[in-house]
N, C-alpha and C. Protein backbone atom coordinates (compact mmCIF):
# COMPACT_ATOMS: atom_id res chain seq x y z
N MET A 1 110.46 -41.06 -9.29
CA MET A 1 111.59 -41.94 -9.48
C MET A 1 111.37 -43.26 -8.75
N ALA A 2 110.83 -43.19 -7.55
CA ALA A 2 110.59 -44.40 -6.77
C ALA A 2 109.50 -45.26 -7.42
N VAL A 3 108.53 -44.61 -8.01
CA VAL A 3 107.45 -45.36 -8.67
C VAL A 3 108.00 -46.12 -9.88
N ALA A 4 108.86 -45.48 -10.64
CA ALA A 4 109.46 -46.14 -11.80
C ALA A 4 110.30 -47.34 -11.38
N LEU A 5 111.02 -47.21 -10.30
CA LEU A 5 111.83 -48.32 -9.78
C LEU A 5 110.93 -49.47 -9.32
N LEU A 6 109.87 -49.15 -8.64
CA LEU A 6 108.93 -50.17 -8.17
C LEU A 6 108.28 -50.90 -9.35
N VAL A 7 107.88 -50.15 -10.35
CA VAL A 7 107.27 -50.76 -11.54
C VAL A 7 108.27 -51.66 -12.25
N MET A 8 109.51 -51.26 -12.36
CA MET A 8 110.53 -52.08 -13.00
C MET A 8 110.77 -53.37 -12.21
N VAL A 9 110.78 -53.28 -10.90
CA VAL A 9 110.97 -54.48 -10.06
C VAL A 9 109.80 -55.44 -10.26
N VAL A 10 108.59 -54.93 -10.33
CA VAL A 10 107.42 -55.78 -10.55
C VAL A 10 107.48 -56.44 -11.92
N ILE A 11 107.86 -55.69 -12.94
CA ILE A 11 107.98 -56.25 -14.29
C ILE A 11 109.03 -57.35 -14.33
N LEU A 12 110.17 -57.11 -13.69
CA LEU A 12 111.21 -58.13 -13.65
C LEU A 12 110.77 -59.37 -12.89
N ALA A 13 110.02 -59.20 -11.81
CA ALA A 13 109.53 -60.35 -11.04
C ALA A 13 108.56 -61.18 -11.87
N VAL A 14 107.69 -60.53 -12.62
CA VAL A 14 106.75 -61.26 -13.48
C VAL A 14 107.52 -62.00 -14.58
N ALA A 15 108.51 -61.36 -15.17
CA ALA A 15 109.30 -62.01 -16.22
C ALA A 15 110.05 -63.22 -15.68
N ILE A 16 110.64 -63.09 -14.51
CA ILE A 16 111.36 -64.22 -13.91
C ILE A 16 110.39 -65.34 -13.57
N GLY A 17 109.21 -64.99 -13.10
CA GLY A 17 108.19 -66.01 -12.81
C GLY A 17 107.77 -66.77 -14.05
N ILE A 18 107.59 -66.08 -15.16
CA ILE A 18 107.19 -66.74 -16.41
C ILE A 18 108.32 -67.65 -16.90
N VAL A 19 109.54 -67.18 -16.83
CA VAL A 19 110.68 -68.02 -17.24
C VAL A 19 110.77 -69.26 -16.36
N ALA A 20 110.56 -69.11 -15.07
CA ALA A 20 110.62 -70.25 -14.16
C ALA A 20 109.52 -71.26 -14.45
N VAL A 21 108.31 -70.78 -14.72
CA VAL A 21 107.20 -71.68 -15.04
C VAL A 21 107.50 -72.45 -16.32
N VAL A 22 107.99 -71.77 -17.33
CA VAL A 22 108.30 -72.44 -18.59
C VAL A 22 109.42 -73.46 -18.40
N ALA A 23 110.48 -73.05 -17.70
CA ALA A 23 111.61 -73.96 -17.50
C ALA A 23 111.20 -75.18 -16.69
N MET A 24 110.45 -74.99 -15.63
CA MET A 24 110.01 -76.12 -14.81
C MET A 24 109.00 -76.97 -15.54
N GLY A 25 108.16 -76.36 -16.33
CA GLY A 25 107.16 -77.12 -17.08
C GLY A 25 107.79 -77.96 -18.18
N ILE A 26 108.82 -77.45 -18.82
CA ILE A 26 109.49 -78.19 -19.88
C ILE A 26 110.27 -79.36 -19.30
N GLN A 27 110.94 -79.14 -18.18
CA GLN A 27 111.77 -80.17 -17.58
C GLN A 27 110.99 -81.14 -16.71
N GLY A 28 109.77 -80.81 -16.34
CA GLY A 28 108.97 -81.69 -15.50
C GLY A 28 109.44 -81.71 -14.06
N ALA A 29 110.07 -80.64 -13.60
CA ALA A 29 110.60 -80.59 -12.24
C ALA A 29 109.47 -80.58 -11.22
N GLY A 30 109.64 -81.30 -10.15
CA GLY A 30 108.66 -81.32 -9.06
C GLY A 30 107.45 -82.18 -9.33
N ARG A 31 107.51 -83.05 -10.31
CA ARG A 31 106.36 -83.87 -10.66
C ARG A 31 105.97 -84.83 -9.53
N GLU A 32 106.96 -85.30 -8.76
CA GLU A 32 106.67 -86.24 -7.68
C GLU A 32 106.03 -85.55 -6.49
N ARG A 33 106.49 -84.34 -6.17
CA ARG A 33 105.98 -83.63 -5.00
C ARG A 33 104.64 -82.96 -5.25
N ALA A 34 104.45 -82.39 -6.42
CA ALA A 34 103.22 -81.66 -6.73
C ALA A 34 102.81 -81.97 -8.17
N PRO A 35 102.18 -83.12 -8.41
CA PRO A 35 101.86 -83.50 -9.80
C PRO A 35 100.85 -82.56 -10.46
N GLU A 36 99.90 -82.03 -9.71
CA GLU A 36 98.92 -81.12 -10.30
C GLU A 36 99.58 -79.83 -10.76
N LEU A 37 100.46 -79.30 -9.93
CA LEU A 37 101.17 -78.07 -10.29
C LEU A 37 102.10 -78.31 -11.47
N ALA A 38 102.74 -79.47 -11.50
CA ALA A 38 103.63 -79.79 -12.61
C ALA A 38 102.85 -79.90 -13.91
N ASN A 39 101.65 -80.46 -13.87
CA ASN A 39 100.83 -80.55 -15.08
C ASN A 39 100.40 -79.16 -15.56
N VAL A 40 100.04 -78.30 -14.63
CA VAL A 40 99.66 -76.93 -14.99
C VAL A 40 100.84 -76.19 -15.60
N MET A 41 102.03 -76.36 -15.01
CA MET A 41 103.22 -75.68 -15.54
C MET A 41 103.59 -76.23 -16.92
N ALA A 42 103.44 -77.54 -17.11
CA ALA A 42 103.75 -78.12 -18.42
C ALA A 42 102.78 -77.62 -19.48
N GLU A 43 101.50 -77.52 -19.14
CA GLU A 43 100.51 -77.01 -20.09
C GLU A 43 100.77 -75.53 -20.40
N THR A 44 101.13 -74.76 -19.36
CA THR A 44 101.47 -73.35 -19.58
C THR A 44 102.68 -73.22 -20.49
N ALA A 45 103.67 -74.06 -20.29
CA ALA A 45 104.86 -74.03 -21.14
C ALA A 45 104.49 -74.35 -22.58
N ARG A 46 103.60 -75.33 -22.79
CA ARG A 46 103.17 -75.65 -24.16
C ARG A 46 102.44 -74.48 -24.79
N HIS A 47 101.60 -73.80 -24.01
CA HIS A 47 100.88 -72.65 -24.55
C HIS A 47 101.84 -71.51 -24.90
N LEU A 48 102.79 -71.23 -24.02
CA LEU A 48 103.73 -70.14 -24.27
C LEU A 48 104.66 -70.45 -25.43
N ASN A 49 104.94 -71.73 -25.67
CA ASN A 49 105.77 -72.12 -26.81
C ASN A 49 104.97 -72.22 -28.10
N GLY A 50 103.65 -72.15 -28.01
CA GLY A 50 102.81 -72.24 -29.20
C GLY A 50 102.52 -73.65 -29.64
N ASP A 51 102.78 -74.64 -28.77
CA ASP A 51 102.56 -76.04 -29.12
C ASP A 51 101.16 -76.53 -28.81
N ALA A 52 100.44 -75.88 -27.91
CA ALA A 52 99.12 -76.34 -27.48
C ALA A 52 98.02 -75.58 -28.21
N GLU A 53 96.85 -76.21 -28.26
CA GLU A 53 95.68 -75.54 -28.84
C GLU A 53 95.23 -74.42 -27.90
N PRO A 54 94.74 -73.32 -28.44
CA PRO A 54 94.28 -72.23 -27.56
C PRO A 54 93.03 -72.66 -26.81
N PRO A 55 92.83 -72.13 -25.60
CA PRO A 55 91.64 -72.47 -24.81
C PRO A 55 90.38 -72.01 -25.53
N GLN A 56 89.30 -72.77 -25.36
CA GLN A 56 88.04 -72.45 -26.03
C GLN A 56 87.51 -71.09 -25.61
N GLY A 57 87.71 -70.71 -24.35
CA GLY A 57 87.25 -69.40 -23.89
C GLY A 57 87.93 -68.27 -24.63
N LEU A 58 89.22 -68.42 -24.88
CA LEU A 58 89.96 -67.40 -25.61
C LEU A 58 89.53 -67.34 -27.07
N VAL A 59 89.32 -68.51 -27.67
CA VAL A 59 88.85 -68.55 -29.07
C VAL A 59 87.48 -67.89 -29.18
N GLY A 60 86.59 -68.22 -28.24
CA GLY A 60 85.26 -67.61 -28.25
C GLY A 60 85.30 -66.11 -28.06
N PHE A 61 86.21 -65.65 -27.21
CA PHE A 61 86.35 -64.21 -26.98
C PHE A 61 86.74 -63.49 -28.25
N PHE A 62 87.71 -64.03 -28.99
CA PHE A 62 88.16 -63.36 -30.20
C PHE A 62 87.15 -63.49 -31.33
N GLU A 63 86.32 -64.51 -31.30
CA GLU A 63 85.27 -64.63 -32.33
C GLU A 63 84.17 -63.61 -32.12
N GLU A 64 83.98 -63.15 -30.87
CA GLU A 64 82.94 -62.17 -30.58
C GLU A 64 83.35 -60.75 -30.97
N ILE A 65 84.62 -60.51 -31.12
CA ILE A 65 85.11 -59.17 -31.48
C ILE A 65 84.82 -58.93 -32.96
N PRO A 66 84.15 -57.83 -33.28
CA PRO A 66 83.86 -57.57 -34.70
C PRO A 66 85.15 -57.26 -35.47
N ASP A 67 85.17 -57.68 -36.72
CA ASP A 67 86.34 -57.45 -37.57
C ASP A 67 86.28 -56.03 -38.09
N MET A 68 87.19 -55.19 -37.61
CA MET A 68 87.18 -53.78 -37.96
C MET A 68 87.84 -53.52 -39.31
N ARG A 69 88.47 -54.54 -39.90
CA ARG A 69 89.13 -54.35 -41.19
C ARG A 69 88.12 -54.22 -42.32
N LYS A 70 86.94 -54.77 -42.14
CA LYS A 70 85.91 -54.71 -43.19
C LYS A 70 85.06 -53.46 -42.97
N GLY A 71 85.18 -52.52 -43.84
CA GLY A 71 84.40 -51.29 -43.73
C GLY A 71 83.02 -51.48 -44.31
N SER A 72 82.12 -50.56 -44.01
CA SER A 72 80.76 -50.67 -44.52
C SER A 72 80.68 -50.36 -46.02
N ASP A 73 81.70 -49.65 -46.56
CA ASP A 73 81.68 -49.31 -47.97
C ASP A 73 82.35 -50.37 -48.84
N GLY A 74 82.87 -51.45 -48.22
CA GLY A 74 83.47 -52.52 -48.99
C GLY A 74 84.88 -52.22 -49.45
N ALA A 75 85.55 -51.26 -48.81
CA ALA A 75 86.89 -50.87 -49.23
C ALA A 75 87.92 -51.96 -48.95
N ALA A 76 87.63 -52.86 -48.04
CA ALA A 76 88.60 -53.89 -47.67
C ALA A 76 88.33 -55.22 -48.36
N LYS A 77 87.70 -55.17 -49.53
CA LYS A 77 87.44 -56.42 -50.25
C LYS A 77 88.75 -57.02 -50.71
N SER A 78 88.77 -58.34 -50.78
CA SER A 78 90.00 -59.02 -51.20
C SER A 78 90.19 -58.87 -52.70
N GLU A 79 91.43 -58.84 -53.10
CA GLU A 79 91.78 -58.72 -54.50
C GLU A 79 91.44 -60.04 -55.22
N PRO A 80 90.94 -59.96 -56.45
CA PRO A 80 90.69 -61.19 -57.18
C PRO A 80 92.00 -61.87 -57.51
N SER A 81 92.00 -63.19 -57.42
CA SER A 81 93.25 -63.94 -57.66
C SER A 81 93.55 -63.95 -59.16
N ALA A 82 94.83 -63.84 -59.44
CA ALA A 82 95.28 -63.87 -60.86
C ALA A 82 95.35 -65.30 -61.32
N LYS A 83 94.79 -65.56 -62.50
CA LYS A 83 94.81 -66.92 -63.04
C LYS A 83 95.63 -66.99 -64.29
């Protein structure tokens, strides 16, 4: 029971942290005191909102993963388009 409570508290802390980063990044809060941190938070907010391009490392990672939808027998071939 205590482990479940601890895990829930950690999950809630991470969720609150993500909401705070997005909110601060969107509003530009703290730009005068910590401009580097504000830029990182703004970029994170753009990524979480889907407005920014994905990082090249992430794109490269997903390109290396083999496509499991295509079987060796050709069962996943695309349907011919109707004309």
